[in-house]
Amino acid sequence: MKKFLCVVFVPFIYSLHHSQAAKKSFPCYDLSSVLKVEPTALYKPHLDASKSFSVHLLKDSKTVQKYINNGKFHKIKKTGKGYKVQKLSYSRPYMVSKAKTTLEKIASKFSKDTKGGTFTVSSITRTLEDQCRLRRVNSNASLGISSHNYGNSFDISYIRFNDVLKYNPKMEVALEKVLKYYANAGRIFYIKEKQQSCYHITVRNY
């Protein structure tokens, strides 16, 4: 009887293991579907700017690690003058050098203009797999390619200043003034996202 049970259950266990392994080997997104999504006229300049840094579309952790290893991506500190990075569940604290520097300059100017104020960075670099996971909890996340997928975009919350989650119109106006300054200087593109309560900033290859 024991031999019979082994014959019955071993194939079942192998099949279950094989099924789980297959799930792990396939990405949670369909690349062909992602590539078919056309960007809006407002968003297209962000994608064009992203592609100018010679970073290939970030599909998974391995592609990010490759750019970290070859010195193309640089780590963003959790805190700096004028900014704080919130806990990142669906993005990674790495960007190309120019994006990192621009974030720091924006934060420093914001701190100076607000006499020591800080803003919160809510999202940085995302892979397609990160984006797919995000869509499972937030249907508003991008269906197509995002400029976050190239390591030169980040989001700044406009409802969290000085590490306090509260609407602060004075600080929001100060932040947008700084963003306009850098946009007019040809350093960034930015969009105010109402559903996410953040400014989406893409650094240009100036």
C-alpha atoms as a PDB file:
ATOM      1  CA  MET A   1       0.000   0.000   0.000  1.00  0.00           C
ATOM      2  CA  LYS A   2       2.865   2.431   0.849  1.00  0.00           C
ATOM      3  CA  LYS A   3       4.480   1.766  -2.553  1.00  0.00           C
ATOM      4  CA  PHE A   4       1.189   2.532  -4.280  1.00  0.00           C
ATOM      5  CA  LEU A   5       0.865   5.862  -2.463  1.00  0.00           C
ATOM      6  CA  CYS A   6       4.377   6.844  -3.533  1.00  0.00           C
ATOM      7  CA  VAL A   7       3.515   6.143  -7.158  1.00  0.00           C
ATOM      8  CA  VAL A   8       0.406   8.306  -6.898  1.00  0.00           C
ATOM      9  CA  PHE A   9       1.820  11.324  -5.019  1.00  0.00           C
ATOM     10  CA  VAL A  10       5.340  11.680  -6.455  1.00  0.00           C
ATOM     11  CA  PRO A  11       4.104  12.711  -9.923  1.00  0.00           C
ATOM     12  CA  PHE A  12       1.672  15.143  -8.240  1.00  0.00           C
ATOM     13  CA  ILE A  13       4.467  16.730  -6.167  1.00  0.00           C
ATOM     14  CA  TYR A  14       6.712  16.973  -9.247  1.00  0.00           C
ATOM     15  CA  SER A  15       3.904  18.576 -11.227  1.00  0.00           C
ATOM     16  CA  LEU A  16       3.239  21.128  -8.458  1.00  0.00           C
ATOM     17  CA  HIS A  17       6.938  21.995  -8.185  1.00  0.00           C
ATOM     18  CA  HIS A  18       7.253  22.297 -11.967  1.00  0.00           C
ATOM     19  CA  SER A  19       4.217  24.590 -12.082  1.00  0.00           C
ATOM     20  CA  GLN A  20       5.611  26.875  -9.352  1.00  0.00           C
ATOM     21  CA  ALA A  21       9.005  27.012 -11.072  1.00  0.00           C
ATOM     22  CA  ALA A  22       7.336  27.923 -14.370  1.00  0.00           C
ATOM     23  CA  LYS A  23       5.505  30.812 -12.703  1.00  0.00           C
ATOM     24  CA  LYS A  24       8.772  32.156 -11.324  1.00  0.00           C
ATOM     25  CA  SER A  25      10.502  31.972 -14.708  1.00  0.00           C
ATOM     26  CA  PHE A  26       7.919  34.089 -16.537  1.00  0.00           C
ATOM     27  CA  PRO A  27       7.605  37.851 -15.972  1.00  0.00           C
ATOM     28  CA  CYS A  28       4.275  39.135 -14.677  1.00  0.00           C
ATOM     29  CA  TYR A  29       3.914  41.469 -17.674  1.00  0.00           C
ATOM     30  CA  ASP A  30       3.511  40.924 -21.404  1.00  0.00           C
ATOM     31  CA  LEU A  31       6.224  42.970 -23.133  1.00  0.00           C
ATOM     32  CA  SER A  32       4.454  43.067 -26.481  1.00  0.00           C
ATOM     33  CA  SER A  33       1.321  44.506 -24.833  1.00  0.00           C
ATOM     34  CA  VAL A  34       3.358  47.057 -22.896  1.00  0.00           C
ATOM     35  CA  LEU A  35       5.136  48.259 -26.047  1.00  0.00           C
ATOM     36  CA  LYS A  36       1.862  48.712 -27.918  1.00  0.00           C
ATOM     37  CA  VAL A  37       0.612  51.424 -25.546  1.00  0.00           C
ATOM     38  CA  GLU A  38       1.081  54.832 -27.170  1.00  0.00           C
ATOM     39  CA  PRO A  39       2.217  57.668 -24.866  1.00  0.00           C
ATOM     40  CA  THR A  40       0.138  60.837 -24.675  1.00  0.00           C
ATOM     41  CA  ALA A  41       1.437  64.031 -26.283  1.00  0.00           C
ATOM     42  CA  LEU A  42       2.107  65.382 -22.783  1.00  0.00           C
ATOM     43  CA  TYR A  43       4.094  62.319 -21.743  1.00  0.00           C
ATOM     44  CA  LYS A  44       6.066  61.665 -24.944  1.00  0.00           C
ATOM     45  CA  PRO A  45       8.794  64.260 -24.167  1.00  0.00           C
ATOM     46  CA  HIS A  46       9.446  62.403 -20.907  1.00  0.00           C
ATOM     47  CA  LEU A  47      10.057  59.129 -22.751  1.00  0.00           C
ATOM     48  CA  ASP A  48      12.199  60.812 -25.399  1.00  0.00           C
ATOM     49  CA  ALA A  49      14.323  62.381 -22.655  1.00  0.00           C
ATOM     50  CA  SER A  50      14.658  59.021 -20.903  1.00  0.00           C
ATOM     51  CA  LYS A  51      15.929  57.257 -24.003  1.00  0.00           C
ATOM     52  CA  SER A  52      18.680  59.845 -24.476  1.00  0.00           C
ATOM     53  CA  PHE A  53      20.689  58.451 -21.539  1.00  0.00           C
ATOM     54  CA  SER A  54      21.554  55.192 -23.369  1.00  0.00           C
ATOM     55  CA  VAL A  55      19.818  53.073 -20.740  1.00  0.00           C
ATOM     56  CA  HIS A  56      17.856  50.116 -22.075  1.00  0.00           C
ATOM     57  CA  LEU A  57      14.320  49.459 -20.850  1.00  0.00           C
ATOM     58  CA  LEU A  58      14.632  48.097 -17.301  1.00  0.00           C
ATOM     59  CA  LYS A  59      12.810  44.786 -17.255  1.00  0.00           C
ATOM     60  CA  ASP A  60      13.847  43.279 -13.923  1.00  0.00           C
ATOM     61  CA  SER A  61      16.300  43.371 -11.018  1.00  0.00           C
ATOM     62  CA  LYS A  62      19.120  41.936 -13.131  1.00  0.00           C
ATOM     63  CA  THR A  63      19.002  44.817 -15.599  1.00  0.00           C
ATOM     64  CA  VAL A  64      19.118  47.346 -12.762  1.00  0.00           C
ATOM     65  CA  GLN A  65      22.037  45.545 -11.129  1.00  0.00           C
ATOM     66  CA  LYS A  66      23.931  45.597 -14.416  1.00  0.00           C
ATOM     67  CA  TYR A  67      23.798  49.406 -14.505  1.00  0.00           C
ATOM     68  CA  ILE A  68      24.765  49.610 -10.836  1.00  0.00           C
ATOM     69  CA  ASN A  69      27.774  47.356 -11.424  1.00  0.00           C
ATOM     70  CA  ASN A  70      29.051  49.336 -14.407  1.00  0.00           C
ATOM     71  CA  GLY A  71      28.689  52.650 -12.572  1.00  0.00           C
ATOM     72  CA  LYS A  72      25.813  54.003 -14.652  1.00  0.00           C
ATOM     73  CA  PHE A  73      23.320  54.058 -11.757  1.00  0.00           C
ATOM     74  CA  HIS A  74      24.011  55.845  -8.487  1.00  0.00           C
ATOM     75  CA  LYS A  75      22.281  55.326  -5.146  1.00  0.00           C
ATOM     76  CA  ILE A  76      19.968  58.016  -3.805  1.00  0.00           C
ATOM     77  CA  LYS A  77      20.435  58.659  -0.089  1.00  0.00           C
ATOM     78  CA  LYS A  78      17.387  58.281   2.142  1.00  0.00           C
ATOM     79  CA  THR A  79      17.712  61.877   3.288  1.00  0.00           C
ATOM     80  CA  GLY A  80      19.498  64.951   1.994  1.00  0.00           C
ATOM     81  CA  LYS A  81      19.256  68.709   2.163  1.00  0.00           C
ATOM     82  CA  GLY A  82      15.636  69.542   1.364  1.00  0.00           C
ATOM     83  CA  TYR A  83      14.346  66.017   0.748  1.00  0.00           C
ATOM     84  CA  LYS A  84      13.502  62.664   2.260  1.00  0.00           C
ATOM     85  CA  VAL A  85      12.836  59.403   0.413  1.00  0.00           C
ATOM     86  CA  GLN A  86       9.828  57.501   1.716  1.00  0.00           C
ATOM     87  CA  LYS A  87       9.902  53.718   2.022  1.00  0.00           C
ATOM     88  CA  LEU A  88       9.981  52.385  -1.545  1.00  0.00           C
ATOM     89  CA  SER A  89       7.867  49.275  -2.090  1.00  0.00           C
ATOM     90  CA  TYR A  90       7.603  49.433  -5.881  1.00  0.00           C
ATOM     91  CA  SER A  91      10.709  51.318  -6.977  1.00  0.00           C
ATOM     92  CA  ARG A  92      14.460  51.435  -6.359  1.00  0.00           C
ATOM     93  CA  PRO A  93      16.700  54.251  -5.026  1.00  0.00           C
ATOM     94  CA  TYR A  94      19.008  54.405  -8.044  1.00  0.00           C
ATOM     95  CA  MET A  95      19.265  56.842 -10.951  1.00  0.00           C
ATOM     96  CA  VAL A  96      21.695  58.032 -13.595  1.00  0.00           C
ATOM     97  CA  SER A  97      24.191  60.601 -12.346  1.00  0.00           C
ATOM     98  CA  LYS A  98      22.508  63.645 -13.904  1.00  0.00           C
ATOM     99  CA  ALA A  99      19.127  62.708 -12.409  1.00  0.00           C
ATOM    100  CA  LYS A 100      20.645  62.223  -8.961  1.00  0.00           C
ATOM    101  CA  THR A 101      22.413  65.590  -9.159  1.00  0.00           C
ATOM    102  CA  THR A 102      19.284  67.353 -10.407  1.00  0.00           C
ATOM    103  CA  LEU A 103      17.168  65.918  -7.595  1.00  0.00           C
ATOM    104  CA  GLU A 104      19.713  67.177  -5.076  1.00  0.00           C
ATOM    105  CA  LYS A 105      19.789  70.655  -6.674  1.00  0.00           C
ATOM    106  CA  ILE A 106      15.973  70.886  -6.716  1.00  0.00           C
ATOM    107  CA  ALA A 107      15.857  69.851  -3.056  1.00  0.00           C
ATOM    108  CA  SER A 108      18.604  72.286  -2.062  1.00  0.00           C
ATOM    109  CA  LYS A 109      16.853  75.213  -3.766  1.00  0.00           C
ATOM    110  CA  PHE A 110      13.533  74.207  -2.210  1.00  0.00           C
ATOM    111  CA  SER A 111      15.175  74.112   1.230  1.00  0.00           C
ATOM    112  CA  LYS A 112      16.679  77.547   0.683  1.00  0.00           C
ATOM    113  CA  ASP A 113      13.424  79.060  -0.604  1.00  0.00           C
ATOM    114  CA  THR A 114      11.391  77.629   2.301  1.00  0.00           C
ATOM    115  CA  LYS A 115      14.030  78.281   4.977  1.00  0.00           C
ATOM    116  CA  GLY A 116      14.771  74.658   5.760  1.00  0.00           C
ATOM    117  CA  GLY A 117      11.699  72.885   4.381  1.00  0.00           C
ATOM    118  CA  THR A 118      11.807  69.335   3.019  1.00  0.00           C
ATOM    119  CA  PHE A 119       9.733  67.482   0.445  1.00  0.00           C
ATOM    120  CA  THR A 120       9.155  63.727   0.100  1.00  0.00           C
ATOM    121  CA  VAL A 121      10.321  61.633  -2.848  1.00  0.00           C
ATOM    122  CA  SER A 122       7.653  58.963  -3.276  1.00  0.00           C
ATOM    123  CA  SER A 123       8.965  56.934  -6.219  1.00  0.00           C
ATOM    124  CA  ILE A 124      12.216  56.597  -8.158  1.00  0.00           C
ATOM    125  CA  THR A 125      13.367  53.952 -10.669  1.00  0.00           C
ATOM    126  CA  ARG A 126      11.010  51.120 -11.551  1.00  0.00           C
ATOM    127  CA  THR A 127      11.456  47.983 -13.630  1.00  0.00           C
ATOM    128  CA  LEU A 128       8.641  46.577 -15.737  1.00  0.00           C
ATOM    129  CA  GLU A 129       8.196  43.907 -13.070  1.00  0.00           C
ATOM    130  CA  ASP A 130       7.943  46.588 -10.363  1.00  0.00           C
ATOM    131  CA  GLN A 131       5.367  48.377 -12.475  1.00  0.00           C
ATOM    132  CA  CYS A 132       3.386  45.179 -12.961  1.00  0.00           C
ATOM    133  CA  ARG A 133       3.343  44.555  -9.197  1.00  0.00           C
ATOM    134  CA  LEU A 134       2.262  48.148  -8.619  1.00  0.00           C
ATOM    135  CA  ARG A 135      -0.668  47.758 -10.995  1.00  0.00           C
ATOM    136  CA  ARG A 136      -1.986  44.924  -8.868  1.00  0.00           C
ATOM    137  CA  VAL A 137      -2.572  47.382  -6.017  1.00  0.00           C
ATOM    138  CA  ASN A 138      -3.007  50.596  -8.018  1.00  0.00           C
ATOM    139  CA  SER A 139      -4.943  50.434 -11.282  1.00  0.00           C
ATOM    140  CA  ASN A 140      -3.825  53.997 -12.107  1.00  0.00           C
ATOM    141  CA  ALA A 141      -0.221  52.895 -12.603  1.00  0.00           C
ATOM    142  CA  SER A 142       0.998  53.142 -16.177  1.00  0.00           C
ATOM    143  CA  LEU A 143       0.001  50.345 -18.567  1.00  0.00           C
ATOM    144  CA  GLY A 144       2.757  51.170 -21.018  1.00  0.00           C
ATOM    145  CA  ILE A 145       6.370  52.228 -20.815  1.00  0.00           C
ATOM    146  CA  SER A 146       7.150  54.731 -18.069  1.00  0.00           C
ATOM    147  CA  SER A 147      10.075  57.136 -17.879  1.00  0.00           C
ATOM    148  CA  HIS A 148      10.662  55.529 -14.465  1.00  0.00           C
ATOM    149  CA  ASN A 149      11.791  52.479 -16.472  1.00  0.00           C
ATOM    150  CA  TYR A 150      14.998  54.236 -17.565  1.00  0.00           C
ATOM    151  CA  GLY A 151      16.466  55.549 -14.326  1.00  0.00           C
ATOM    152  CA  ASN A 152      16.016  59.290 -14.814  1.00  0.00           C
ATOM    153  CA  SER A 153      12.578  59.998 -13.298  1.00  0.00           C
ATOM    154  CA  PHE A 154      11.268  60.455  -9.783  1.00  0.00           C
ATOM    155  CA  ASP A 155       8.057  61.571  -8.075  1.00  0.00           C
ATOM    156  CA  ILE A 156       7.682  64.227  -5.395  1.00  0.00           C
ATOM    157  CA  SER A 157       4.589  64.242  -3.187  1.00  0.00           C
ATOM    158  CA  TYR A 158       2.736  67.547  -2.951  1.00  0.00           C
ATOM    159  CA  ILE A 159       0.810  66.518   0.142  1.00  0.00           C
ATOM    160  CA  ARG A 160       3.777  65.588   2.361  1.00  0.00           C
ATOM    161  CA  PHE A 161       6.211  68.289   3.463  1.00  0.00           C
ATOM    162  CA  ASN A 162       8.561  68.244   6.467  1.00  0.00           C
ATOM    163  CA  ASP A 163       7.601  64.570   6.778  1.00  0.00           C
ATOM    164  CA  VAL A 164       3.993  65.488   7.605  1.00  0.00           C
ATOM    165  CA  LEU A 165       1.130  64.110   5.516  1.00  0.00           C
ATOM    166  CA  LYS A 166      -1.065  67.179   5.258  1.00  0.00           C
ATOM    167  CA  TYR A 167      -2.173  69.557   2.522  1.00  0.00           C
ATOM    168  CA  ASN A 168       0.112  72.577   2.641  1.00  0.00           C
ATOM    169  CA  PRO A 169      -0.673  75.048  -0.166  1.00  0.00           C
ATOM    170  CA  LYS A 170       2.221  77.377   0.722  1.00  0.00           C
ATOM    171  CA  MET A 171       4.800  74.596   0.435  1.00  0.00           C
ATOM    172  CA  GLU A 172       3.179  73.220  -2.707  1.00  0.00           C
ATOM    173  CA  VAL A 173       3.414  76.624  -4.396  1.00  0.00           C
ATOM    174  CA  ALA A 174       7.069  76.872  -3.359  1.00  0.00           C
ATOM    175  CA  LEU A 175       7.785  73.422  -4.801  1.00  0.00           C
ATOM    176  CA  GLU A 176       6.110  74.158  -8.121  1.00  0.00           C
ATOM    177  CA  LYS A 177       8.012  77.425  -8.360  1.00  0.00           C
ATOM    178  CA  VAL A 178      11.284  75.486  -8.083  1.00  0.00           C
ATOM    179  CA  LEU A 179      10.140  72.924 -10.649  1.00  0.00           C
ATOM    180  CA  LYS A 180       9.160  75.692 -13.086  1.00  0.00           C
ATOM    181  CA  TYR A 181      12.594  77.239 -12.630  1.00  0.00           C
ATOM    182  CA  TYR A 182      14.342  74.001 -13.660  1.00  0.00           C
ATOM    183  CA  ALA A 183      11.852  73.292 -16.438  1.00  0.00           C
ATOM    184  CA  ASN A 184      12.412  76.764 -17.930  1.00  0.00           C
ATOM    185  CA  ALA A 185      16.157  76.165 -17.697  1.00  0.00           C
ATOM    186  CA  GLY A 186      15.747  73.052 -19.858  1.00  0.00           C
ATOM    187  CA  ARG A 187      16.764  70.655 -17.084  1.00  0.00           C
ATOM    188  CA  ILE A 188      13.502  68.776 -16.464  1.00  0.00           C
ATOM    189  CA  PHE A 189       9.990  67.992 -17.629  1.00  0.00           C
ATOM    190  CA  TYR A 190       7.299  67.653 -14.993  1.00  0.00           C
ATOM    191  CA  ILE A 191       3.629  66.742 -14.750  1.00  0.00           C
ATOM    192  CA  LYS A 192       1.294  67.274 -11.814  1.00  0.00           C
ATOM    193  CA  GLU A 193      -0.479  63.954 -11.271  1.00  0.00           C
ATOM    194  CA  LYS A 194      -3.770  64.455  -9.474  1.00  0.00           C
ATOM    195  CA  GLN A 195      -4.580  60.791  -8.858  1.00  0.00           C
ATOM    196  CA  GLN A 196      -1.168  60.090  -7.296  1.00  0.00           C
ATOM    197  CA  SER A 197      -0.862  63.453  -5.484  1.00  0.00           C
ATOM    198  CA  CYS A 198       2.649  63.935  -6.818  1.00  0.00           C
ATOM    199  CA  TYR A 199       4.754  65.743  -9.372  1.00  0.00           C
ATOM    200  CA  HIS A 200       6.284  63.370 -11.893  1.00  0.00           C
ATOM    201  CA  ILE A 201       9.722  64.711 -12.819  1.00  0.00           C
ATOM    202  CA  THR A 202      11.885  63.517 -15.683  1.00  0.00           C
ATOM    203  CA  VAL A 203      15.445  64.793 -15.932  1.00  0.00           C
ATOM    204  CA  ARG A 204      16.623  65.814 -19.389  1.00  0.00           C
ATOM    205  CA  ASN A 205      20.079  64.994 -20.734  1.00  0.00           C
ATOM    206  CA  TYR A 206      21.204  68.624 -20.695  1.00  0.00           C
END
